[in-house]
């Protein structure tokens, strides 16, 4: 694996702009993340195409999917693509997966019944890990059948990249607890994040699963402005454009937006709730994303890192 920023909290940024990857990689961050859709509302590129482009223009940071809608894809195709990219990047991949459902046309486009999406993901996660052994396997499941299939060479990371489960509902928490390598919710407050951590831990304990080395991720819409009301208004407008709904009344519960001091306090609350790898998506409503990132790295994260370090020593 590549060298990482030596701090208790890891920092990631969402960026689908491969042309800016070199500049972002020069920042004191740990990871870059890409999303995407097959037939989404806003015409985004497809996520695996985004990941491949990012792999070609980065050298240091981890790169991840935020997120891959796993049930839309054939297991062997995803296993092969991820194995090849993990080898190409020498082990810098993190596979963030989810089941979506917000855009039903995607499931119709891929001829996958939307009501099967959770069960398909549950079958595919362990199947991917078997395929990443680079050994010949046979699988006869409810949704997938493979007869003497060998995907090789194996990924660079032994056993394959970490599979981090995204979502918002309890079914996703159980999926993370019982078969994922991390939990990766979005549109959460710190209070809801803390409750989800407790649910994941309880589900893992009930399944007899050890969560040592489990990753605690948080996907966060971010805006920092000397005028906190402006930060919140811009964040709500940005999210509204993504999701086609009004976020004005709920922005404080689903985003981290405000003054420097307000954002520091909110991120400390996430640390207290258990988050250890932040993935930030600047939400400026068409404003200056670079300014938000500079404020985050120059004025916010130092104090948040100190808070996290003090927690570890306590």
C-alpha atoms as a PDB file:
ATOM      1  CA  UNK A   1       0.000   0.000   0.000  1.00  0.00           C
ATOM      2  CA  UNK A   2       1.013   3.608  -0.495  1.00  0.00           C
ATOM      3  CA  UNK A   3       2.162   5.898   2.284  1.00  0.00           C
ATOM      4  CA  UNK A   4      -0.714   7.495   4.146  1.00  0.00           C
ATOM      5  CA  UNK A   5      -1.099  10.751   5.972  1.00  0.00           C
ATOM      6  CA  UNK A   6      -0.018   9.908   9.540  1.00  0.00           C
ATOM      7  CA  UNK A   7      -3.080  11.022  11.482  1.00  0.00           C
ATOM      8  CA  UNK A   8      -5.929   9.348  13.376  1.00  0.00           C
ATOM      9  CA  UNK A   9      -8.481  10.728  10.910  1.00  0.00           C
ATOM     10  CA  UNK A  10      -8.293  10.130   7.183  1.00  0.00           C
ATOM     11  CA  UNK A  11      -9.537  12.760   4.725  1.00  0.00           C
ATOM     12  CA  UNK A  12     -11.027  12.051   1.327  1.00  0.00           C
ATOM     13  CA  UNK A  13     -12.512  14.255  -1.382  1.00  0.00           C
ATOM     14  CA  UNK A  14     -15.123  13.499  -4.000  1.00  0.00           C
ATOM     15  CA  UNK A  15     -13.919  14.528  -7.436  1.00  0.00           C
ATOM     16  CA  UNK A  16     -14.872  13.154 -10.817  1.00  0.00           C
ATOM     17  CA  UNK A  17     -12.618  15.621 -12.643  1.00  0.00           C
ATOM     18  CA  UNK A  18      -9.585  13.585 -13.710  1.00  0.00           C
ATOM     19  CA  UNK A  19      -7.903  16.727 -15.055  1.00  0.00           C
ATOM     20  CA  UNK A  20      -7.663  18.100 -11.503  1.00  0.00           C
ATOM     21  CA  UNK A  21      -6.523  14.857  -9.878  1.00  0.00           C
ATOM     22  CA  UNK A  22      -2.830  15.801  -9.790  1.00  0.00           C
ATOM     23  CA  UNK A  23      -3.561  19.081  -8.011  1.00  0.00           C
ATOM     24  CA  UNK A  24      -5.831  17.363  -5.504  1.00  0.00           C
ATOM     25  CA  UNK A  25      -3.324  14.577  -4.899  1.00  0.00           C
ATOM     26  CA  UNK A  26      -0.735  17.202  -3.946  1.00  0.00           C
ATOM     27  CA  UNK A  27      -2.965  18.231  -1.029  1.00  0.00           C
ATOM     28  CA  UNK A  28      -2.621  16.609   2.426  1.00  0.00           C
ATOM     29  CA  UNK A  29      -5.441  14.132   1.797  1.00  0.00           C
ATOM     30  CA  UNK A  30      -5.659  10.344   1.836  1.00  0.00           C
ATOM     31  CA  UNK A  31      -8.228   9.450  -0.798  1.00  0.00           C
ATOM     32  CA  UNK A  32     -10.186  10.536  -3.873  1.00  0.00           C
ATOM     33  CA  UNK A  33     -13.638   9.201  -4.680  1.00  0.00           C
ATOM     34  CA  UNK A  34     -15.856   8.985  -7.736  1.00  0.00           C
ATOM     35  CA  UNK A  35     -19.534   8.284  -8.174  1.00  0.00           C
ATOM     36  CA  UNK A  36     -21.639   7.704 -11.225  1.00  0.00           C
ATOM     37  CA  UNK A  37     -24.768   6.183 -12.693  1.00  0.00           C
ATOM     38  CA  UNK A  38     -25.819   4.101 -15.644  1.00  0.00           C
ATOM     39  CA  UNK A  39     -29.106   5.914 -16.173  1.00  0.00           C
ATOM     40  CA  UNK A  40     -29.254   8.530 -13.436  1.00  0.00           C
ATOM     41  CA  UNK A  41     -31.253  11.736 -13.361  1.00  0.00           C
ATOM     42  CA  UNK A  42     -28.380  14.162 -13.931  1.00  0.00           C
ATOM     43  CA  UNK A  43     -26.430  12.428 -16.713  1.00  0.00           C
ATOM     44  CA  UNK A  44     -23.315  11.518 -14.729  1.00  0.00           C
ATOM     45  CA  UNK A  45     -20.592   9.268 -16.179  1.00  0.00           C
ATOM     46  CA  UNK A  46     -20.630   5.612 -15.180  1.00  0.00           C
ATOM     47  CA  UNK A  47     -18.698   4.891 -11.973  1.00  0.00           C
ATOM     48  CA  UNK A  48     -16.278   2.206 -13.207  1.00  0.00           C
ATOM     49  CA  UNK A  49     -15.288   4.418 -16.127  1.00  0.00           C
ATOM     50  CA  UNK A  50     -14.655   7.213 -13.622  1.00  0.00           C
ATOM     51  CA  UNK A  51     -12.572   4.916 -11.431  1.00  0.00           C
ATOM     52  CA  UNK A  52     -10.453   3.755 -14.364  1.00  0.00           C
ATOM     53  CA  UNK A  53      -9.721   7.348 -15.372  1.00  0.00           C
ATOM     54  CA  UNK A  54      -8.782   8.239 -11.808  1.00  0.00           C
ATOM     55  CA  UNK A  55      -6.470   5.246 -11.527  1.00  0.00           C
ATOM     56  CA  UNK A  56      -4.514   6.503 -14.532  1.00  0.00           C
ATOM     57  CA  UNK A  57      -3.903  10.015 -13.178  1.00  0.00           C
ATOM     58  CA  UNK A  58      -3.089   9.345  -9.501  1.00  0.00           C
ATOM     59  CA  UNK A  59      -0.021   7.828  -7.852  1.00  0.00           C
ATOM     60  CA  UNK A  60      -0.306   8.254  -4.067  1.00  0.00           C
ATOM     61  CA  UNK A  61      -3.849   8.483  -2.749  1.00  0.00           C
ATOM     62  CA  UNK A  62      -6.315   5.671  -2.333  1.00  0.00           C
ATOM     63  CA  UNK A  63      -9.152   5.830  -4.844  1.00  0.00           C
ATOM     64  CA  UNK A  64     -12.670   4.635  -4.225  1.00  0.00           C
ATOM     65  CA  UNK A  65     -16.178   4.343  -5.577  1.00  0.00           C
ATOM     66  CA  UNK A  66     -18.842   6.356  -3.835  1.00  0.00           C
ATOM     67  CA  UNK A  67     -20.652   4.386  -4.822  1.00  0.00           C
ATOM     68  CA  UNK A  68     -20.916   1.408  -7.166  1.00  0.00           C
ATOM     69  CA  UNK A  69     -24.499   0.138  -7.415  1.00  0.00           C
ATOM     70  CA  UNK A  70     -23.459  -3.483  -7.138  1.00  0.00           C
ATOM     71  CA  UNK A  71     -26.673  -5.242  -8.246  1.00  0.00           C
ATOM     72  CA  UNK A  72     -26.564  -3.542 -11.661  1.00  0.00           C
ATOM     73  CA  UNK A  73     -23.425  -5.456 -12.658  1.00  0.00           C
ATOM     74  CA  UNK A  74     -22.427  -9.043 -13.402  1.00  0.00           C
ATOM     75  CA  UNK A  75     -20.160 -10.434 -10.643  1.00  0.00           C
ATOM     76  CA  UNK A  76     -17.409 -11.688 -12.979  1.00  0.00           C
ATOM     77  CA  UNK A  77     -17.170  -8.333 -14.777  1.00  0.00           C
ATOM     78  CA  UNK A  78     -16.840  -6.335 -11.551  1.00  0.00           C
ATOM     79  CA  UNK A  79     -14.413  -8.889 -10.078  1.00  0.00           C
ATOM     80  CA  UNK A  80     -12.191  -8.658 -13.146  1.00  0.00           C
ATOM     81  CA  UNK A  81     -12.318  -4.866 -13.482  1.00  0.00           C
ATOM     82  CA  UNK A  82     -11.551  -4.290  -9.810  1.00  0.00           C
ATOM     83  CA  UNK A  83      -8.780  -6.904  -9.731  1.00  0.00           C
ATOM     84  CA  UNK A  84      -7.090  -5.334 -12.753  1.00  0.00           C
ATOM     85  CA  UNK A  85      -7.374  -1.780 -11.413  1.00  0.00           C
ATOM     86  CA  UNK A  86      -6.129  -2.841  -7.982  1.00  0.00           C
ATOM     87  CA  UNK A  87      -3.046  -4.380  -9.584  1.00  0.00           C
ATOM     88  CA  UNK A  88      -2.539  -1.333 -11.774  1.00  0.00           C
ATOM     89  CA  UNK A  89      -2.653   1.010  -8.763  1.00  0.00           C
ATOM     90  CA  UNK A  90      -0.610  -1.353  -6.551  1.00  0.00           C
ATOM     91  CA  UNK A  91      -3.356  -1.744  -4.004  1.00  0.00           C
ATOM     92  CA  UNK A  92      -4.899   1.714  -3.781  1.00  0.00           C
ATOM     93  CA  UNK A  93      -8.529   0.716  -4.379  1.00  0.00           C
ATOM     94  CA  UNK A  94     -11.468   0.882  -1.974  1.00  0.00           C
ATOM     95  CA  UNK A  95     -14.726  -0.532  -3.311  1.00  0.00           C
ATOM     96  CA  UNK A  96     -17.676   1.428  -1.961  1.00  0.00           C
ATOM     97  CA  UNK A  97     -20.891  -0.400  -2.793  1.00  0.00           C
ATOM     98  CA  UNK A  98     -24.590   0.159  -2.322  1.00  0.00           C
ATOM     99  CA  UNK A  99     -27.946  -0.828  -3.741  1.00  0.00           C
ATOM    100  CA  UNK A 100     -29.485   2.582  -4.483  1.00  0.00           C
ATOM    101  CA  UNK A 101     -33.112   2.580  -5.480  1.00  0.00           C
ATOM    102  CA  UNK A 102     -33.506   6.342  -5.804  1.00  0.00           C
ATOM    103  CA  UNK A 103     -33.448   6.057  -9.607  1.00  0.00           C
ATOM    104  CA  UNK A 104     -35.660   3.099 -10.631  1.00  0.00           C
ATOM    105  CA  UNK A 105     -34.929   3.651 -14.361  1.00  0.00           C
ATOM    106  CA  UNK A 106     -31.381   2.399 -13.728  1.00  0.00           C
ATOM    107  CA  UNK A 107     -32.707  -0.965 -12.670  1.00  0.00           C
ATOM    108  CA  UNK A 108     -35.098  -1.112 -15.621  1.00  0.00           C
ATOM    109  CA  UNK A 109     -32.237  -0.161 -17.963  1.00  0.00           C
ATOM    110  CA  UNK A 110     -30.088  -3.014 -16.645  1.00  0.00           C
ATOM    111  CA  UNK A 111     -33.020  -5.453 -16.527  1.00  0.00           C
ATOM    112  CA  UNK A 112     -32.622  -6.059 -12.799  1.00  0.00           C
ATOM    113  CA  UNK A 113     -35.806  -6.159 -10.664  1.00  0.00           C
ATOM    114  CA  UNK A 114     -35.411  -3.344  -8.158  1.00  0.00           C
ATOM    115  CA  UNK A 115     -36.966  -5.387  -5.357  1.00  0.00           C
ATOM    116  CA  UNK A 116     -34.113  -7.912  -5.656  1.00  0.00           C
ATOM    117  CA  UNK A 117     -31.318  -5.387  -5.226  1.00  0.00           C
ATOM    118  CA  UNK A 118     -30.512  -6.051  -1.559  1.00  0.00           C
ATOM    119  CA  UNK A 119     -30.543  -9.832  -1.866  1.00  0.00           C
ATOM    120  CA  UNK A 120     -28.412  -9.673  -5.001  1.00  0.00           C
ATOM    121  CA  UNK A 121     -25.810  -7.538  -3.198  1.00  0.00           C
ATOM    122  CA  UNK A 122     -25.774  -9.968  -0.284  1.00  0.00           C
ATOM    123  CA  UNK A 123     -25.023 -12.848  -2.634  1.00  0.00           C
ATOM    124  CA  UNK A 124     -22.463 -10.959  -4.681  1.00  0.00           C
ATOM    125  CA  UNK A 125     -20.190  -9.630  -1.913  1.00  0.00           C
ATOM    126  CA  UNK A 126     -18.841 -13.038  -0.793  1.00  0.00           C
ATOM    127  CA  UNK A 127     -18.839 -14.175  -4.421  1.00  0.00           C
ATOM    128  CA  UNK A 128     -16.503 -11.325  -5.364  1.00  0.00           C
ATOM    129  CA  UNK A 129     -14.100 -12.389  -2.642  1.00  0.00           C
ATOM    130  CA  UNK A 130     -14.096 -15.959  -3.944  1.00  0.00           C
ATOM    131  CA  UNK A 131     -13.417 -14.721  -7.465  1.00  0.00           C
ATOM    132  CA  UNK A 132     -10.527 -12.607  -6.169  1.00  0.00           C
ATOM    133  CA  UNK A 133      -8.708 -15.729  -4.972  1.00  0.00           C
ATOM    134  CA  UNK A 134      -7.743 -16.276  -8.653  1.00  0.00           C
ATOM    135  CA  UNK A 135      -8.754 -19.897  -8.186  1.00  0.00           C
ATOM    136  CA  UNK A 136     -11.341 -21.737 -10.253  1.00  0.00           C
ATOM    137  CA  UNK A 137     -14.715 -21.567  -8.540  1.00  0.00           C
ATOM    138  CA  UNK A 138     -18.212 -22.910  -9.047  1.00  0.00           C
ATOM    139  CA  UNK A 139     -21.167 -21.060  -7.582  1.00  0.00           C
ATOM    140  CA  UNK A 140     -24.848 -21.918  -7.747  1.00  0.00           C
ATOM    141  CA  UNK A 141     -26.862 -19.205  -6.037  1.00  0.00           C
ATOM    142  CA  UNK A 142     -30.316 -17.720  -6.154  1.00  0.00           C
ATOM    143  CA  UNK A 143     -29.289 -15.031  -8.638  1.00  0.00           C
ATOM    144  CA  UNK A 144     -25.861 -15.981  -9.992  1.00  0.00           C
ATOM    145  CA  UNK A 145     -24.442 -19.206 -11.395  1.00  0.00           C
ATOM    146  CA  UNK A 146     -20.798 -19.712 -12.336  1.00  0.00           C
ATOM    147  CA  UNK A 147     -19.386 -23.030 -13.461  1.00  0.00           C
ATOM    148  CA  UNK A 148     -15.606 -23.501 -13.166  1.00  0.00           C
ATOM    149  CA  UNK A 149     -14.804 -19.809 -13.538  1.00  0.00           C
ATOM    150  CA  UNK A 150     -11.328 -18.419 -12.865  1.00  0.00           C
ATOM    151  CA  UNK A 151     -10.706 -14.665 -12.667  1.00  0.00           C
ATOM    152  CA  UNK A 152      -6.969 -14.016 -12.677  1.00  0.00           C
ATOM    153  CA  UNK A 153      -4.538 -12.586 -11.871  1.00  0.00           C
ATOM    154  CA  UNK A 154      -5.639 -11.808  -8.328  1.00  0.00           C
ATOM    155  CA  UNK A 155      -5.898  -8.239  -7.021  1.00  0.00           C
ATOM    156  CA  UNK A 156      -2.785  -6.637  -5.575  1.00  0.00           C
ATOM    157  CA  UNK A 157      -4.325  -6.528  -2.093  1.00  0.00           C
ATOM    158  CA  UNK A 158      -4.517 -10.031  -0.598  1.00  0.00           C
ATOM    159  CA  UNK A 159      -8.153 -11.070  -0.615  1.00  0.00           C
ATOM    160  CA  UNK A 160      -9.055  -8.066  -2.747  1.00  0.00           C
ATOM    161  CA  UNK A 161      -9.765  -4.425  -1.931  1.00  0.00           C
ATOM    162  CA  UNK A 162     -11.864  -3.537   1.103  1.00  0.00           C
ATOM    163  CA  UNK A 163     -15.592  -3.620   0.345  1.00  0.00           C
ATOM    164  CA  UNK A 164     -17.188  -0.686   2.141  1.00  0.00           C
ATOM    165  CA  UNK A 165     -20.968  -0.736   2.390  1.00  0.00           C
ATOM    166  CA  UNK A 166     -22.843   2.511   1.840  1.00  0.00           C
ATOM    167  CA  UNK A 167     -26.446   3.243   2.686  1.00  0.00           C
ATOM    168  CA  UNK A 168     -28.847   4.812   5.129  1.00  0.00           C
ATOM    169  CA  UNK A 169     -31.168   2.047   6.295  1.00  0.00           C
ATOM    170  CA  UNK A 170     -30.797  -0.794   8.786  1.00  0.00           C
ATOM    171  CA  UNK A 171     -30.506  -3.424   6.041  1.00  0.00           C
ATOM    172  CA  UNK A 172     -27.354  -1.678   4.813  1.00  0.00           C
ATOM    173  CA  UNK A 173     -25.981  -1.573   8.369  1.00  0.00           C
ATOM    174  CA  UNK A 174     -26.507  -5.326   8.712  1.00  0.00           C
ATOM    175  CA  UNK A 175     -24.828  -5.865   5.332  1.00  0.00           C
ATOM    176  CA  UNK A 176     -21.820  -3.853   6.496  1.00  0.00           C
ATOM    177  CA  UNK A 177     -21.702  -5.646   9.854  1.00  0.00           C
ATOM    178  CA  UNK A 178     -21.903  -9.182   8.517  1.00  0.00           C
ATOM    179  CA  UNK A 179     -19.991  -9.048   5.227  1.00  0.00           C
ATOM    180  CA  UNK A 180     -18.447  -5.608   4.655  1.00  0.00           C
ATOM    181  CA  UNK A 181     -15.063  -4.156   5.529  1.00  0.00           C
ATOM    182  CA  UNK A 182     -16.515  -0.793   6.502  1.00  0.00           C
ATOM    183  CA  UNK A 183     -19.651   1.283   6.999  1.00  0.00           C
ATOM    184  CA  UNK A 184     -20.169   4.317   4.739  1.00  0.00           C
ATOM    185  CA  UNK A 185     -23.423   6.242   5.336  1.00  0.00           C
ATOM    186  CA  UNK A 186     -24.387   9.540   3.725  1.00  0.00           C
ATOM    187  CA  UNK A 187     -26.823  12.378   4.517  1.00  0.00           C
ATOM    188  CA  UNK A 188     -26.351  11.658   8.226  1.00  0.00           C
ATOM    189  CA  UNK A 189     -26.065  13.857  11.278  1.00  0.00           C
ATOM    190  CA  UNK A 190     -23.453  12.979  13.889  1.00  0.00           C
ATOM    191  CA  UNK A 191     -26.229  11.743  16.176  1.00  0.00           C
ATOM    192  CA  UNK A 192     -27.583   9.408  13.506  1.00  0.00           C
ATOM    193  CA  UNK A 193     -24.051   8.266  12.692  1.00  0.00           C
ATOM    194  CA  UNK A 194     -23.481   7.330  16.338  1.00  0.00           C
ATOM    195  CA  UNK A 195     -26.718   5.333  16.392  1.00  0.00           C
ATOM    196  CA  UNK A 196     -25.721   3.524  13.191  1.00  0.00           C
ATOM    197  CA  UNK A 197     -22.335   2.592  14.652  1.00  0.00           C
ATOM    198  CA  UNK A 198     -24.096   1.004  17.604  1.00  0.00           C
ATOM    199  CA  UNK A 199     -26.388  -0.929  15.244  1.00  0.00           C
ATOM    200  CA  UNK A 200     -23.461  -2.156  13.136  1.00  0.00           C
ATOM    201  CA  UNK A 201     -21.545  -3.261  16.229  1.00  0.00           C
ATOM    202  CA  UNK A 202     -24.564  -5.070  17.655  1.00  0.00           C
ATOM    203  CA  UNK A 203     -25.269  -6.870  14.374  1.00  0.00           C
ATOM    204  CA  UNK A 204     -21.627  -7.919  14.126  1.00  0.00           C
ATOM    205  CA  UNK A 205     -21.626  -9.210  17.694  1.00  0.00           C
ATOM    206  CA  UNK A 206     -24.785 -11.215  17.051  1.00  0.00           C
ATOM    207  CA  UNK A 207     -23.125 -12.738  13.979  1.00  0.00           C
ATOM    208  CA  UNK A 208     -19.935 -13.485  15.941  1.00  0.00           C
ATOM    209  CA  UNK A 209     -17.921 -11.207  13.686  1.00  0.00           C
ATOM    210  CA  UNK A 210     -14.777  -9.369  14.818  1.00  0.00           C
ATOM    211  CA  UNK A 211     -14.692  -5.741  13.607  1.00  0.00           C
ATOM    212  CA  UNK A 212     -10.962  -5.237  14.144  1.00  0.00           C
ATOM    213  CA  UNK A 213      -9.663  -3.180  11.196  1.00  0.00           C
ATOM    214  CA  UNK A 214     -13.219  -2.365  10.149  1.00  0.00           C
ATOM    215  CA  UNK A 215     -13.474   1.051   8.472  1.00  0.00           C
ATOM    216  CA  UNK A 216     -15.784   3.789   9.761  1.00  0.00           C
ATOM    217  CA  UNK A 217     -16.430   6.148   6.843  1.00  0.00           C
ATOM    218  CA  UNK A 218     -18.709   9.186   6.587  1.00  0.00           C
ATOM    219  CA  UNK A 219     -19.746  10.781   3.272  1.00  0.00           C
ATOM    220  CA  UNK A 220     -20.381  14.470   3.994  1.00  0.00           C
ATOM    221  CA  UNK A 221     -21.658  17.407   1.987  1.00  0.00           C
ATOM    222  CA  UNK A 222     -19.456  20.329   3.098  1.00  0.00           C
ATOM    223  CA  UNK A 223     -19.474  24.103   2.949  1.00  0.00           C
ATOM    224  CA  UNK A 224     -17.409  26.537   5.009  1.00  0.00           C
ATOM    225  CA  UNK A 225     -18.018  30.272   4.830  1.00  0.00           C
ATOM    226  CA  UNK A 226     -17.398  33.223   7.188  1.00  0.00           C
ATOM    227  CA  UNK A 227     -21.163  33.712   6.957  1.00  0.00           C
ATOM    228  CA  UNK A 228     -22.700  30.499   8.240  1.00  0.00           C
ATOM    229  CA  UNK A 229     -26.101  31.269   6.747  1.00  0.00           C
ATOM    230  CA  UNK A 230     -24.521  31.598   3.303  1.00  0.00           C
ATOM    231  CA  UNK A 231     -22.769  28.252   3.769  1.00  0.00           C
ATOM    232  CA  UNK A 232     -26.035  26.567   4.697  1.00  0.00           C
ATOM    233  CA  UNK A 233     -27.979  28.175   1.854  1.00  0.00           C
ATOM    234  CA  UNK A 234     -25.356  27.164  -0.715  1.00  0.00           C
ATOM    235  CA  UNK A 235     -25.200  23.615   0.632  1.00  0.00           C
ATOM    236  CA  UNK A 236     -28.982  23.255   0.510  1.00  0.00           C
ATOM    237  CA  UNK A 237     -29.068  24.592  -3.052  1.00  0.00           C
ATOM    238  CA  UNK A 238     -26.293  22.232  -4.131  1.00  0.00           C
ATOM    239  CA  UNK A 239     -27.965  19.174  -2.637  1.00  0.00           C
ATOM    240  CA  UNK A 240     -31.309  20.230  -4.040  1.00  0.00           C
ATOM    241  CA  UNK A 241     -29.802  20.202  -7.510  1.00  0.00           C
ATOM    242  CA  UNK A 242     -28.495  16.682  -6.978  1.00  0.00           C
ATOM    243  CA  UNK A 243     -31.593  15.159  -5.446  1.00  0.00           C
ATOM    244  CA  UNK A 244     -34.366  17.420  -6.842  1.00  0.00           C
ATOM    245  CA  UNK A 245     -35.818  18.266  -3.436  1.00  0.00           C
ATOM    246  CA  UNK A 246     -35.751  21.135  -0.956  1.00  0.00           C
ATOM    247  CA  UNK A 247     -33.017  20.738   1.684  1.00  0.00           C
ATOM    248  CA  UNK A 248     -33.414  24.161   3.327  1.00  0.00           C
ATOM    249  CA  UNK A 249     -35.237  22.883   6.392  1.00  0.00           C
ATOM    250  CA  UNK A 250     -32.960  19.869   6.936  1.00  0.00           C
ATOM    251  CA  UNK A 251     -29.523  21.101   5.871  1.00  0.00           C
ATOM    252  CA  UNK A 252     -28.158  21.095   9.436  1.00  0.00           C
ATOM    253  CA  UNK A 253     -29.075  17.411   9.782  1.00  0.00           C
ATOM    254  CA  UNK A 254     -27.720  16.123   6.458  1.00  0.00           C
ATOM    255  CA  UNK A 255     -24.692  18.340   5.757  1.00  0.00           C
ATOM    256  CA  UNK A 256     -21.772  19.989   7.536  1.00  0.00           C
ATOM    257  CA  UNK A 257     -22.112  23.658   6.634  1.00  0.00           C
ATOM    258  CA  UNK A 258     -21.358  26.843   8.519  1.00  0.00           C
ATOM    259  CA  UNK A 259     -18.520  28.980   9.797  1.00  0.00           C
ATOM    260  CA  UNK A 260     -15.095  27.519  10.528  1.00  0.00           C
ATOM    261  CA  UNK A 261     -15.940  27.126  14.214  1.00  0.00           C
ATOM    262  CA  UNK A 262     -19.317  25.557  13.428  1.00  0.00           C
ATOM    263  CA  UNK A 263     -17.769  23.056  11.035  1.00  0.00           C
ATOM    264  CA  UNK A 264     -15.027  22.144  13.524  1.00  0.00           C
ATOM    265  CA  UNK A 265     -17.668  21.451  16.160  1.00  0.00           C
ATOM    266  CA  UNK A 266     -19.745  19.341  13.764  1.00  0.00           C
ATOM    267  CA  UNK A 267     -16.770  17.256  12.648  1.00  0.00           C
ATOM    268  CA  UNK A 268     -15.618  16.734  16.233  1.00  0.00           C
ATOM    269  CA  UNK A 269     -19.108  15.379  16.911  1.00  0.00           C
ATOM    270  CA  UNK A 270     -18.678  12.919  14.043  1.00  0.00           C
ATOM    271  CA  UNK A 271     -15.318  11.839  15.486  1.00  0.00           C
ATOM    272  CA  UNK A 272     -16.967  11.322  18.873  1.00  0.00           C
ATOM    273  CA  UNK A 273     -19.650   9.285  17.096  1.00  0.00           C
ATOM    274  CA  UNK A 274     -17.016   6.962  15.629  1.00  0.00           C
ATOM    275  CA  UNK A 275     -16.168   8.323  12.163  1.00  0.00           C
ATOM    276  CA  UNK A 276     -12.537   7.848  11.136  1.00  0.00           C
ATOM    277  CA  UNK A 277     -12.455   8.400   7.365  1.00  0.00           C
ATOM    278  CA  UNK A 278     -14.260  11.482   6.105  1.00  0.00           C
ATOM    279  CA  UNK A 279     -15.191  11.730   2.437  1.00  0.00           C
ATOM    280  CA  UNK A 280     -16.102  15.348   1.708  1.00  0.00           C
ATOM    281  CA  UNK A 281     -18.131  16.600  -1.223  1.00  0.00           C
ATOM    282  CA  UNK A 282     -17.980  20.416  -1.437  1.00  0.00           C
ATOM    283  CA  UNK A 283     -21.538  21.719  -1.753  1.00  0.00           C
ATOM    284  CA  UNK A 284     -21.344  25.333  -2.867  1.00  0.00           C
ATOM    285  CA  UNK A 285     -24.238  25.542  -5.320  1.00  0.00           C
ATOM    286  CA  UNK A 286     -21.900  26.539  -8.120  1.00  0.00           C
ATOM    287  CA  UNK A 287     -19.562  28.554  -5.871  1.00  0.00           C
ATOM    288  CA  UNK A 288     -15.851  28.162  -5.147  1.00  0.00           C
ATOM    289  CA  UNK A 289     -15.249  24.523  -4.222  1.00  0.00           C
ATOM    290  CA  UNK A 290     -11.485  25.081  -4.008  1.00  0.00           C
ATOM    291  CA  UNK A 291     -11.952  27.740  -1.342  1.00  0.00           C
ATOM    292  CA  UNK A 292     -14.010  25.319   0.749  1.00  0.00           C
ATOM    293  CA  UNK A 293     -11.306  22.658   0.435  1.00  0.00           C
ATOM    294  CA  UNK A 294      -8.590  25.159   1.423  1.00  0.00           C
ATOM    295  CA  UNK A 295     -10.559  26.252   4.476  1.00  0.00           C
ATOM    296  CA  UNK A 296     -11.115  22.618   5.401  1.00  0.00           C
ATOM    297  CA  UNK A 297      -7.434  21.694   5.207  1.00  0.00           C
ATOM    298  CA  UNK A 298      -5.953  24.962   6.502  1.00  0.00           C
ATOM    299  CA  UNK A 299      -8.404  25.962   9.213  1.00  0.00           C
ATOM    300  CA  UNK A 300     -10.459  22.929  10.245  1.00  0.00           C
ATOM    301  CA  UNK A 301      -8.763  19.556  10.028  1.00  0.00           C
ATOM    302  CA  UNK A 302      -5.809  20.387  12.278  1.00  0.00           C
ATOM    303  CA  UNK A 303      -8.103  20.939  15.243  1.00  0.00           C
ATOM    304  CA  UNK A 304     -10.240  17.922  14.337  1.00  0.00           C
ATOM    305  CA  UNK A 305      -7.113  15.729  14.120  1.00  0.00           C
ATOM    306  CA  UNK A 306      -5.943  16.980  17.516  1.00  0.00           C
ATOM    307  CA  UNK A 307      -9.332  16.149  18.970  1.00  0.00           C
ATOM    308  CA  UNK A 308      -9.185  12.635  17.504  1.00  0.00           C
ATOM    309  CA  UNK A 309      -5.616  12.100  18.756  1.00  0.00           C
ATOM    310  CA  UNK A 310      -6.624  13.170  22.267  1.00  0.00           C
ATOM    311  CA  UNK A 311      -9.458  10.646  22.115  1.00  0.00           C
ATOM    312  CA  UNK A 312      -7.036   7.876  21.254  1.00  0.00           C
ATOM    313  CA  UNK A 313      -4.767   8.781  24.183  1.00  0.00           C
ATOM    314  CA  UNK A 314      -7.609   9.093  26.662  1.00  0.00           C
END
